[in-house]
Amino acid sequence: MQSPSHFHLGAAKRVLRYVQGTTDLGLSFQKNHALNLVGYCDSDLGGSLDDMKSTSGYCFSFGSTIFSWVSKKQQSVAQSSAEAEYISASVATSQAIWLRKILADLGHHQIEGTVLHCDNKSAIAMAKNPAHHNRTRHIALKHHFIRQAIEDKEIQLEFFLVIICKDK
């Protein structure tokens, strides 16, 4: 690190205190699984009854172990399930790129794009088609970087059918 400050020293001390206090916790990685970064993202549509905002969620596994996950309310109201899923995939893409960089710093270079599973074919089509349409022009520009990540082969957005089982 270049030019560390008192802030950085304080942050490092907090991390070391956390590590010291959680020595009994850990993640298990099985050697019979390929060590690839894989992500899953999903969203509801207007799940918050107060403001009708959707909730995005994603998780990432490395090998067979899930090690990164988030569930968070979206900042804007989605006008369709495809838009809500597109925003969720965009947020997950940002995390995937960051995780790829961390893994590369640790010596694990993933040649292929990180597979990111999404359960909405329309959202996948929007991400893979860089053309601007009247139906997507209202989506904030910050979410469209997913298209560049696909083009740069940092991620591979793939359909993943989710089956919901309900107990009777």
Protein backbone atom coordinates (compact mmCIF):
# COMPACT_ATOMS: atom_id res chain seq x y z
CA MET A 1 0.00 0.00 0.00
CA GLN A 2 1.30 3.41 -0.89
CA SER A 3 1.06 6.25 1.65
CA PRO A 4 -0.91 4.53 4.44
CA SER A 5 -2.60 6.92 6.85
CA HIS A 6 -3.88 6.67 10.43
CA PHE A 7 -7.24 5.71 8.96
CA HIS A 8 -5.67 2.68 7.25
CA LEU A 9 -3.88 1.66 10.44
CA GLY A 10 -7.15 1.84 12.39
CA ALA A 11 -8.93 -0.23 9.75
CA ALA A 12 -6.15 -2.85 9.84
CA LYS A 13 -6.40 -3.05 13.64
CA ARG A 14 -10.18 -3.58 13.41
CA VAL A 15 -9.68 -6.39 10.90
CA LEU A 16 -7.08 -8.08 13.11
CA ARG A 17 -9.36 -7.80 16.18
CA TYR A 18 -12.18 -9.36 14.16
CA VAL A 19 -9.95 -12.21 12.97
CA GLN A 20 -8.69 -12.81 16.51
CA GLY A 21 -12.26 -12.97 17.83
CA THR A 22 -13.55 -15.35 15.17
CA THR A 23 -10.85 -18.02 15.00
CA ASP A 24 -13.48 -20.73 15.54
CA LEU A 25 -15.37 -19.71 12.36
CA GLY A 26 -14.37 -20.60 8.83
CA LEU A 27 -15.32 -21.78 5.37
CA SER A 28 -14.72 -25.29 4.05
CA PHE A 29 -13.56 -25.82 0.48
CA GLN A 30 -13.72 -29.36 -0.87
CA LYS A 31 -10.85 -30.40 -3.09
CA ASN A 32 -13.07 -32.47 -5.42
CA HIS A 33 -14.88 -29.34 -6.69
CA ALA A 34 -13.50 -27.04 -9.38
CA LEU A 35 -12.52 -23.71 -7.87
CA ASN A 36 -14.53 -21.43 -10.11
CA LEU A 37 -16.39 -18.29 -9.14
CA VAL A 38 -20.12 -18.70 -9.88
CA GLY A 39 -22.92 -16.25 -9.12
CA TYR A 40 -26.70 -16.33 -8.79
CA CYS A 41 -28.91 -13.25 -8.81
CA ASP A 42 -32.63 -12.75 -8.34
CA SER A 43 -35.18 -10.07 -7.64
CA ASP A 44 -38.79 -9.65 -6.70
CA LEU A 45 -41.06 -7.02 -8.25
CA GLY A 46 -42.33 -4.26 -5.99
CA GLY A 47 -42.01 -6.34 -2.85
CA SER A 48 -41.85 -3.36 -0.51
CA LEU A 49 -45.44 -2.36 0.19
CA ASP A 50 -44.38 1.06 1.49
CA ASP A 51 -42.72 2.34 -1.67
CA MET A 52 -43.16 -0.52 -4.19
CA LYS A 53 -39.41 -0.90 -4.63
CA SER A 54 -38.03 -4.30 -5.53
CA THR A 55 -35.44 -6.29 -3.60
CA SER A 56 -32.31 -7.60 -5.31
CA GLY A 57 -30.24 -10.47 -4.07
CA TYR A 58 -27.19 -12.37 -5.16
CA CYS A 59 -24.76 -14.96 -3.89
CA PHE A 60 -21.39 -16.16 -5.11
CA SER A 61 -19.75 -19.51 -4.61
CA PHE A 62 -16.15 -20.55 -5.01
CA GLY A 63 -15.98 -24.28 -5.47
CA SER A 64 -18.92 -25.62 -3.49
CA THR A 65 -18.88 -22.89 -0.82
CA ILE A 66 -21.05 -19.79 -0.84
CA PHE A 67 -18.94 -16.98 0.56
CA SER A 68 -20.52 -13.72 -0.58
CA TRP A 69 -24.19 -12.75 -0.51
CA VAL A 70 -26.42 -9.69 -0.37
CA SER A 71 -30.11 -8.88 -0.23
CA LYS A 72 -30.93 -5.21 -0.63
CA LYS A 73 -33.80 -2.96 -1.65
CA GLN A 74 -33.33 -1.35 -5.06
CA GLN A 75 -32.96 2.43 -5.19
CA SER A 76 -35.63 2.98 -7.84
CA VAL A 77 -39.04 1.52 -8.62
CA ALA A 78 -38.83 -1.07 -11.39
CA GLN A 79 -41.53 -0.95 -14.05
CA SER A 80 -41.33 -4.65 -14.91
CA SER A 81 -39.93 -7.90 -13.56
CA ALA A 82 -37.35 -7.83 -16.37
CA GLU A 83 -36.14 -4.41 -15.23
CA ALA A 84 -35.94 -5.52 -11.59
CA GLU A 85 -33.93 -8.60 -12.62
CA TYR A 86 -31.71 -6.50 -14.92
CA ILE A 87 -30.87 -4.17 -12.03
CA SER A 88 -30.18 -7.18 -9.80
CA ALA A 89 -27.87 -8.68 -12.45
CA SER A 90 -26.09 -5.33 -12.77
CA VAL A 91 -25.39 -5.16 -9.04
CA ALA A 92 -24.22 -8.80 -9.05
CA THR A 93 -21.97 -8.07 -12.04
CA SER A 94 -20.25 -5.30 -10.12
CA GLN A 95 -19.59 -7.73 -7.26
CA ALA A 96 -18.39 -10.43 -9.69
CA ILE A 97 -15.82 -8.09 -11.22
CA TRP A 98 -14.55 -7.07 -7.78
CA LEU A 99 -14.35 -10.72 -6.61
CA ARG A 100 -12.46 -11.68 -9.79
CA LYS A 101 -9.89 -8.99 -9.02
CA ILE A 102 -9.51 -10.18 -5.41
CA LEU A 103 -9.07 -13.78 -6.56
CA ALA A 104 -6.51 -12.67 -9.18
CA ASP A 105 -4.57 -10.84 -6.46
CA LEU A 106 -4.56 -14.12 -4.51
CA GLY A 107 -3.15 -15.97 -7.52
CA HIS A 108 -6.36 -17.52 -8.90
CA HIS A 109 -6.85 -16.14 -12.40
CA GLN A 110 -10.17 -17.17 -13.89
CA ILE A 111 -9.69 -17.26 -17.68
CA GLU A 112 -13.35 -17.67 -18.61
CA GLY A 113 -15.99 -15.14 -17.70
CA THR A 114 -17.67 -15.67 -14.35
CA VAL A 115 -20.97 -17.46 -14.85
CA LEU A 116 -23.81 -15.39 -13.42
CA HIS A 117 -27.17 -17.17 -13.31
CA CYS A 118 -30.37 -15.16 -13.77
CA ASP A 119 -33.93 -16.51 -13.89
CA ASN A 120 -35.38 -13.93 -16.31
CA LYS A 121 -34.86 -14.40 -20.05
CA SER A 122 -35.95 -10.83 -20.85
CA ALA A 123 -33.33 -9.38 -18.50
CA ILE A 124 -30.67 -11.58 -20.10
CA ALA A 125 -31.78 -10.43 -23.57
CA MET A 126 -31.56 -6.77 -22.50
CA ALA A 127 -28.05 -7.33 -21.16
CA LYS A 128 -26.81 -9.18 -24.24
CA ASN A 129 -28.32 -6.74 -26.75
CA PRO A 130 -26.50 -3.38 -26.63
CA ALA A 131 -29.15 -1.61 -28.73
CA HIS A 132 -31.22 1.04 -26.99
CA HIS A 133 -34.96 0.43 -27.03
CA ASN A 134 -37.88 2.56 -25.95
CA ARG A 135 -38.61 -0.04 -23.27
CA THR A 136 -35.15 0.30 -21.68
CA ARG A 137 -34.38 4.00 -22.08
CA HIS A 138 -35.67 4.85 -18.59
CA ILE A 139 -33.26 2.43 -16.87
CA ALA A 140 -30.43 4.34 -15.19
CA LEU A 141 -27.22 4.35 -17.20
CA LYS A 142 -25.24 2.95 -14.28
CA HIS A 143 -26.94 -0.42 -14.80
CA HIS A 144 -26.01 -0.73 -18.48
CA PHE A 145 -22.34 -1.44 -17.74
CA ILE A 146 -23.38 -5.10 -17.54
CA ARG A 147 -23.38 -5.05 -21.35
CA GLN A 148 -19.70 -4.06 -21.38
CA ALA A 149 -18.85 -6.78 -18.84
CA ILE A 150 -20.47 -9.36 -21.13
CA GLU A 151 -18.66 -7.97 -24.18
CA ASP A 152 -15.33 -8.02 -22.29
CA LYS A 153 -16.04 -11.63 -21.24
CA GLU A 154 -15.80 -10.80 -17.54
CA ILE A 155 -19.17 -12.44 -16.98
CA GLN A 156 -21.35 -14.96 -18.77
CA LEU A 157 -25.01 -14.26 -18.06
CA GLU A 158 -26.94 -17.53 -18.23
CA PHE A 159 -30.54 -18.54 -17.67
CA PHE A 160 -31.23 -20.55 -14.54
CA LEU A 161 -34.69 -21.97 -13.93
CA VAL A 162 -35.80 -21.52 -10.34
CA ILE A 163 -38.28 -24.06 -9.04
CA ILE A 164 -40.26 -22.99 -6.00
CA CYS A 165 -41.47 -25.80 -3.79
CA LYS A 166 -44.38 -25.08 -1.49
CA ASP A 167 -45.35 -27.37 1.36
CA LYS A 168 -49.02 -28.27 1.52
